[in-house]
Amino acid sequence: MLKSLSLKKSSTMFLLVAMLLMAFAVAPAFANPTLADGEYTINFTVLKDGTSSASTMDGYAVKPAKLIVENGQFYVETTWNNASWIPDIQVDQDGDGVYTDADLIGTSGNTKTVGFEVADLSAKLETKTHVVIPFLFYDSWYKVQIQFDESSIAPY
């Protein structure tokens, strides 16, 4: 009986360890994706510079963004409310400290859609935004990061 109890404990421990290993080995559906060419949606958060907290800028973002994959390259289109307050959005596409203007895709009412290449969806994208609110005599540049949620990728 003692031998049977010891065998049960060993078997239980083995199963527990195996289940834990399997849980950590299974990745989210799109983690490090090799996505087929096409259009997808992806959620994102605009973060205060150097933090994991949402920026005020996040409240102006229309979500999800559109993700376009072509030949393994990622191009993201984001839409922003109160576009007249955000005349410029620049991104550091390569992480080299060089910021380039996002492409203007289009405007509608007081929203605008901009697009830019993203080298790595799992990394925070360094971004600068120019905020101008004329009636408040406000004009300032902000540095923020865009964090994409790869687990949210879905067909467009």
Protein backbone atom coordinates (compact mmCIF):
# COMPACT_ATOMS: atom_id res chain seq x y z
CA MET A 1 0.00 0.00 0.00
CA LEU A 2 2.86 2.37 0.81
CA LYS A 3 4.43 1.62 -2.58
CA SER A 4 1.09 2.36 -4.32
CA LEU A 5 0.77 5.72 -2.55
CA SER A 6 4.34 6.68 -3.51
CA LEU A 7 3.64 5.75 -7.15
CA LYS A 8 0.48 7.91 -7.15
CA LYS A 9 2.45 10.89 -5.78
CA SER A 10 5.16 10.44 -8.40
CA SER A 11 2.60 10.15 -11.20
CA THR A 12 0.73 13.21 -9.98
CA MET A 13 3.94 15.23 -9.74
CA PHE A 14 4.98 14.15 -13.24
CA LEU A 15 1.60 15.17 -14.69
CA LEU A 16 1.72 18.52 -12.89
CA VAL A 17 5.19 19.31 -14.23
CA ALA A 18 4.19 18.20 -17.75
CA MET A 19 1.09 20.41 -17.68
CA LEU A 20 3.11 23.43 -16.52
CA LEU A 21 5.68 22.90 -19.26
CA MET A 22 2.93 22.63 -21.88
CA ALA A 23 1.20 25.77 -20.61
CA PHE A 24 4.37 27.83 -21.05
CA ALA A 25 5.25 26.24 -24.38
CA VAL A 26 1.96 27.15 -26.04
CA ALA A 27 2.21 30.63 -27.56
CA PRO A 28 -0.66 33.00 -28.36
CA ALA A 29 -2.20 32.51 -31.78
CA PHE A 30 -0.24 35.33 -33.39
CA ALA A 31 2.83 35.72 -31.21
CA ASN A 32 5.81 36.15 -33.54
CA PRO A 33 3.44 35.65 -36.44
CA THR A 34 4.33 34.64 -39.90
CA LEU A 35 1.26 36.30 -41.30
CA ALA A 36 0.10 35.69 -44.83
CA ASP A 37 -0.07 38.74 -47.07
CA GLY A 38 -3.36 40.50 -46.44
CA GLU A 39 -5.24 42.93 -44.24
CA TYR A 40 -5.87 42.49 -40.54
CA THR A 41 -7.00 44.48 -37.52
CA ILE A 42 -4.76 44.98 -34.50
CA ASN A 43 -5.41 46.67 -31.17
CA PHE A 44 -2.91 49.10 -29.72
CA THR A 45 -2.32 51.45 -26.81
CA VAL A 46 -0.61 54.83 -26.92
CA LEU A 47 1.64 55.00 -23.86
CA LYS A 48 3.02 57.96 -21.93
CA ASP A 49 6.70 58.33 -22.70
CA GLY A 50 8.76 55.72 -20.91
CA THR A 51 5.82 54.17 -19.02
CA SER A 52 3.26 51.41 -19.37
CA SER A 53 0.41 53.86 -18.65
CA ALA A 54 -1.98 55.01 -21.36
CA SER A 55 -1.32 58.51 -22.65
CA THR A 56 -4.04 61.13 -23.06
CA MET A 57 -3.32 60.66 -26.78
CA ASP A 58 -4.72 57.12 -26.48
CA GLY A 59 -8.17 58.65 -25.98
CA TYR A 60 -8.03 60.18 -29.46
CA ALA A 61 -7.16 56.91 -31.20
CA VAL A 62 -9.84 54.99 -33.08
CA LYS A 63 -9.32 51.28 -32.49
CA PRO A 64 -8.48 48.80 -33.80
CA ALA A 65 -5.87 49.84 -36.36
CA LYS A 66 -5.57 48.32 -39.81
CA LEU A 67 -2.54 46.08 -40.33
CA ILE A 68 -1.40 45.41 -43.89
CA VAL A 69 1.10 42.60 -44.44
CA GLU A 70 3.01 42.39 -47.71
CA ASN A 71 6.03 40.16 -48.23
CA GLY A 72 6.57 39.89 -44.48
CA GLN A 73 6.57 43.69 -44.02
CA PHE A 74 4.08 45.40 -41.69
CA TYR A 75 2.26 48.64 -42.50
CA VAL A 76 -0.19 50.02 -39.94
CA GLU A 77 -2.95 52.58 -40.50
CA THR A 78 -4.27 54.40 -37.44
CA THR A 79 -7.22 56.79 -37.29
CA TRP A 80 -7.35 59.77 -34.92
CA ASN A 81 -10.22 61.94 -33.64
CA ASN A 82 -9.82 65.73 -33.28
CA ALA A 83 -7.42 65.62 -36.21
CA SER A 84 -7.14 69.41 -36.35
CA TRP A 85 -5.43 69.25 -32.94
CA ILE A 86 -2.87 66.69 -34.17
CA PRO A 87 -1.23 68.14 -37.28
CA ASP A 88 1.86 65.92 -37.13
CA ILE A 89 2.58 62.32 -36.19
CA GLN A 90 6.11 61.01 -36.63
CA VAL A 91 7.48 57.53 -36.01
CA ASP A 92 10.92 56.08 -35.46
CA GLN A 93 10.49 53.04 -37.70
CA ASP A 94 13.92 51.50 -37.16
CA GLY A 95 14.61 52.44 -33.56
CA ASP A 96 17.54 54.58 -34.68
CA GLY A 97 16.24 57.89 -33.29
CA VAL A 98 15.31 59.24 -36.72
CA TYR A 99 11.65 60.22 -36.89
CA THR A 100 9.75 60.38 -40.18
CA ASP A 101 6.31 61.79 -40.88
CA ALA A 102 3.51 59.25 -41.00
CA ASP A 103 1.81 59.00 -44.41
CA LEU A 104 -1.51 60.81 -44.59
CA ILE A 105 -4.03 58.23 -45.85
CA GLY A 106 -7.10 60.46 -45.66
CA THR A 107 -9.36 62.73 -43.64
CA SER A 108 -13.08 62.72 -42.93
CA GLY A 109 -14.72 65.40 -40.82
CA ASN A 110 -12.41 65.89 -37.86
CA THR A 111 -10.68 62.51 -38.14
CA LYS A 112 -7.61 61.56 -40.06
CA THR A 113 -5.95 58.29 -40.92
CA VAL A 114 -2.18 57.98 -41.11
CA GLY A 115 0.01 55.04 -42.00
CA PHE A 116 3.54 53.92 -41.29
CA GLU A 117 5.81 50.90 -41.52
CA VAL A 118 6.46 48.89 -38.37
CA ALA A 119 9.57 46.71 -38.18
CA ASP A 120 8.53 44.73 -35.08
CA LEU A 121 4.95 44.52 -33.83
CA SER A 122 6.11 43.22 -30.45
CA ALA A 123 8.28 46.28 -29.73
CA LYS A 124 7.05 49.68 -28.60
CA LEU A 125 7.06 52.11 -31.53
CA GLU A 126 8.67 55.44 -30.62
CA THR A 127 6.35 58.21 -31.79
CA LYS A 128 6.21 62.00 -31.64
CA THR A 129 2.96 63.93 -31.87
CA HIS A 130 2.45 67.63 -32.42
CA VAL A 131 -0.57 68.92 -30.54
CA VAL A 132 -1.99 72.34 -31.44
CA ILE A 133 -5.16 73.72 -29.81
CA PRO A 134 -5.50 77.27 -31.18
CA PHE A 135 -8.27 78.56 -28.89
CA LEU A 136 -6.10 77.62 -25.88
CA PHE A 137 -2.94 79.02 -27.48
CA TYR A 138 -1.45 75.56 -26.99
CA ASP A 139 1.34 74.22 -29.22
CA SER A 140 3.57 71.38 -28.04
CA TRP A 141 5.33 68.19 -29.16
CA TYR A 142 4.97 64.97 -27.19
CA LYS A 143 6.94 61.76 -27.25
CA VAL A 144 4.82 58.62 -26.78
CA GLN A 145 5.11 54.93 -27.59
CA ILE A 146 2.61 52.79 -29.46
CA GLN A 147 2.32 49.25 -28.13
CA PHE A 148 0.59 46.81 -30.47
CA ASP A 149 -1.33 43.80 -29.12
CA GLU A 150 -0.28 40.90 -31.35
CA SER A 151 -2.77 38.57 -29.68
CA SER A 152 -5.60 40.73 -31.05
CA ILE A 153 -4.70 40.29 -34.74
CA ALA A 154 -7.76 39.25 -36.73
CA PRO A 155 -8.74 39.29 -40.40
CA TYR A 156 -9.89 42.73 -41.58
